[in-house]
């Protein structure tokens, strides 16, 4: 598993917590920061997934 997938998942979780904390406290800035971090985590996770697929395809091709 690519490190970007792990880090992306961590950013998503952290962003979710921040977003909920902002909603609960009525702090729109914190809520927005949480949404932004969560979105960035999704992108990073997707990039890691693509890297994993490329590595798997290259490995498959080499083993032909």
N, C-alpha and C. Protein backbone atom coordinates (compact mmCIF):
# COMPACT_ATOMS: atom_id res chain seq x y z
N UNK A 1 0.84 -1.17 0.00
CA UNK A 1 0.00 0.00 0.00
C UNK A 1 0.89 1.23 0.00
N UNK A 2 0.56 2.16 -0.87
CA UNK A 2 1.34 3.38 -1.00
C UNK A 2 1.14 4.29 0.21
N UNK A 3 2.20 4.99 0.59
CA UNK A 3 2.13 5.87 1.77
C UNK A 3 1.11 6.99 1.59
N UNK A 4 0.86 7.40 0.34
CA UNK A 4 -0.13 8.44 0.10
C UNK A 4 -1.53 7.98 0.50
N UNK A 5 -1.81 6.70 0.35
CA UNK A 5 -3.12 6.19 0.76
C UNK A 5 -3.28 6.29 2.28
N UNK A 6 -2.25 5.95 3.00
CA UNK A 6 -2.29 6.00 4.46
C UNK A 6 -2.41 7.45 4.94
N UNK A 7 -1.56 8.31 4.39
CA UNK A 7 -1.60 9.72 4.79
C UNK A 7 -2.91 10.37 4.39
N UNK A 8 -3.43 10.00 3.23
CA UNK A 8 -4.71 10.55 2.78
C UNK A 8 -5.85 10.17 3.70
N UNK A 9 -5.85 8.91 4.13
CA UNK A 9 -6.88 8.45 5.05
C UNK A 9 -6.78 9.20 6.39
N UNK A 10 -5.56 9.45 6.83
CA UNK A 10 -5.36 10.18 8.08
C UNK A 10 -5.88 11.62 7.95
N UNK A 11 -5.62 12.24 6.81
CA UNK A 11 -6.11 13.61 6.59
C UNK A 11 -7.64 13.64 6.53
N UNK A 12 -8.22 12.62 5.92
CA UNK A 12 -9.68 12.55 5.85
C UNK A 12 -10.27 12.46 7.26
N UNK A 13 -9.69 11.60 8.08
CA UNK A 13 -10.19 11.43 9.44
C UNK A 13 -10.03 12.72 10.25
N UNK A 14 -8.86 13.33 10.15
CA UNK A 14 -8.59 14.57 10.87
C UNK A 14 -9.54 15.68 10.40
N UNK A 15 -9.77 15.74 9.09
CA UNK A 15 -10.67 16.73 8.54
C UNK A 15 -12.10 16.54 9.01
N UNK A 16 -12.53 15.29 9.10
CA UNK A 16 -13.88 14.99 9.57
C UNK A 16 -14.07 15.45 11.02
N UNK A 17 -13.07 15.17 11.84
CA UNK A 17 -13.14 15.57 13.25
C UNK A 17 -13.20 17.09 13.36
N UNK A 18 -12.36 17.75 12.59
CA UNK A 18 -12.31 19.21 12.60
C UNK A 18 -13.65 19.81 12.12
N UNK A 19 -14.20 19.21 11.08
CA UNK A 19 -15.47 19.69 10.53
C UNK A 19 -16.59 19.56 11.57
N UNK A 20 -16.67 18.42 12.23
CA UNK A 20 -17.70 18.21 13.25
C UNK A 20 -17.49 19.15 14.43
N UNK A 21 -16.24 19.33 14.83
CA UNK A 21 -15.95 20.25 15.94
C UNK A 21 -16.39 21.67 15.58
N UNK A 22 -16.16 22.07 14.34
CA UNK A 22 -16.58 23.39 13.90
C UNK A 22 -18.09 23.54 13.91
N UNK A 23 -18.79 22.48 13.48
CA UNK A 23 -20.26 22.52 13.48
C UNK A 23 -20.79 22.63 14.91
N UNK A 24 -20.23 21.81 15.80
CA UNK A 24 -20.70 21.78 17.19
C UNK A 24 -20.48 23.12 17.89
N UNK A 25 -19.32 23.71 17.64
CA UNK A 25 -19.00 24.96 18.32
C UNK A 25 -19.49 26.20 17.58
N UNK A 26 -19.99 26.00 16.37
CA UNK A 26 -20.45 27.13 15.58
C UNK A 26 -19.32 27.92 14.95
N UNK A 27 -18.14 27.32 14.88
CA UNK A 27 -16.96 27.98 14.32
C UNK A 27 -16.87 27.63 12.83
N UNK A 28 -17.31 28.54 11.99
CA UNK A 28 -17.36 28.26 10.55
C UNK A 28 -15.97 28.11 9.94
N UNK A 29 -15.00 28.81 10.50
CA UNK A 29 -13.63 28.71 9.98
C UNK A 29 -13.09 27.30 10.20
N UNK A 30 -13.26 26.77 11.39
CA UNK A 30 -12.79 25.42 11.69
C UNK A 30 -13.54 24.40 10.85
N UNK A 31 -14.83 24.60 10.68
CA UNK A 31 -15.63 23.70 9.86
C UNK A 31 -15.12 23.70 8.41
N UNK A 32 -14.84 24.88 7.88
CA UNK A 32 -14.34 24.99 6.51
C UNK A 32 -12.95 24.35 6.38
N UNK A 33 -12.11 24.56 7.38
CA UNK A 33 -10.77 23.94 7.36
C UNK A 33 -10.89 22.42 7.35
N UNK A 34 -11.83 21.92 8.12
CA UNK A 34 -12.05 20.48 8.17
C UNK A 34 -12.51 19.93 6.82
N UNK A 35 -13.43 20.63 6.18
CA UNK A 35 -13.90 20.20 4.86
C UNK A 35 -12.77 20.20 3.85
N UNK A 36 -11.93 21.24 3.92
CA UNK A 36 -10.81 21.36 3.00
C UNK A 36 -9.81 20.23 3.23
N UNK A 37 -9.50 19.96 4.49
CA UNK A 37 -8.54 18.90 4.80
C UNK A 37 -9.08 17.53 4.38
N UNK A 38 -10.37 17.34 4.58
CA UNK A 38 -11.00 16.08 4.20
C UNK A 38 -10.92 15.88 2.68
N UNK A 39 -11.20 16.94 1.93
CA UNK A 39 -11.12 16.86 0.47
C UNK A 39 -9.69 16.59 0.00
N UNK A 40 -8.73 17.26 0.62
CA UNK A 40 -7.33 17.04 0.27
C UNK A 40 -6.92 15.60 0.57
N UNK A 41 -7.43 15.06 1.65
CA UNK A 41 -7.14 13.66 2.00
C UNK A 41 -7.71 12.70 0.97
N UNK A 42 -8.89 13.00 0.45
CA UNK A 42 -9.50 12.15 -0.58
C UNK A 42 -8.64 12.15 -1.84
N UNK A 43 -8.16 13.32 -2.21
CA UNK A 43 -7.31 13.43 -3.40
C UNK A 43 -6.01 12.65 -3.19
N UNK A 44 -5.38 12.84 -2.04
CA UNK A 44 -4.12 12.15 -1.75
C UNK A 44 -4.34 10.63 -1.74
N UNK A 45 -5.45 10.20 -1.18
CA UNK A 45 -5.77 8.77 -1.14
C UNK A 45 -5.95 8.24 -2.56
N UNK A 46 -6.62 9.00 -3.41
CA UNK A 46 -6.82 8.58 -4.80
C UNK A 46 -5.49 8.48 -5.55
N UNK A 47 -4.60 9.41 -5.31
CA UNK A 47 -3.28 9.38 -5.94
C UNK A 47 -2.53 8.12 -5.50
N UNK A 48 -2.61 7.82 -4.22
CA UNK A 48 -1.96 6.60 -3.71
C UNK A 48 -2.55 5.35 -4.35
N UNK A 49 -3.86 5.35 -4.57
CA UNK A 49 -4.51 4.22 -5.22
C UNK A 49 -4.03 4.04 -6.65
N UNK A 50 -3.86 5.16 -7.35
CA UNK A 50 -3.35 5.09 -8.73
C UNK A 50 -1.92 4.56 -8.74
N UNK A 51 -1.11 5.00 -7.79
CA UNK A 51 0.27 4.51 -7.71
C UNK A 51 0.28 3.00 -7.49
N UNK A 52 -0.61 2.53 -6.60
CA UNK A 52 -0.69 1.09 -6.33
C UNK A 52 -1.06 0.32 -7.60
N UNK A 53 -2.02 0.84 -8.36
CA UNK A 53 -2.44 0.17 -9.59
C UNK A 53 -1.32 0.13 -10.62
N UNK A 54 -0.59 1.23 -10.72
CA UNK A 54 0.53 1.27 -11.66
C UNK A 54 1.61 0.26 -11.25
N UNK A 55 1.91 0.20 -9.97
CA UNK A 55 2.91 -0.77 -9.48
C UNK A 55 2.46 -2.20 -9.76
N UNK A 56 1.16 -2.47 -9.50
CA UNK A 56 0.63 -3.82 -9.74
C UNK A 56 0.69 -4.17 -11.22
N UNK A 57 0.35 -3.22 -12.09
CA UNK A 57 0.38 -3.47 -13.53
C UNK A 57 1.81 -3.73 -14.00
N UNK A 58 2.76 -2.95 -13.48
CA UNK A 58 4.16 -3.14 -13.86
C UNK A 58 4.66 -4.50 -13.39
N UNK A 59 4.27 -4.87 -12.20
CA UNK A 59 4.68 -6.17 -11.64
C UNK A 59 4.10 -7.31 -12.49
N UNK A 60 2.84 -7.18 -12.88
CA UNK A 60 2.17 -8.17 -13.72
C UNK A 60 2.86 -8.28 -15.07
N UNK A 61 3.22 -7.15 -15.62
CA UNK A 61 3.85 -7.13 -16.94
C UNK A 61 5.23 -7.80 -16.88
N UNK A 62 5.96 -7.54 -15.80
CA UNK A 62 7.29 -8.14 -15.66
C UNK A 62 7.22 -9.65 -15.49
N UNK A 63 6.14 -10.13 -14.88
CA UNK A 63 6.02 -11.57 -14.60
C UNK A 63 5.45 -12.34 -15.78
N UNK A 64 5.31 -11.72 -16.92
CA UNK A 64 4.76 -12.41 -18.11
C UNK A 64 5.74 -13.33 -18.73
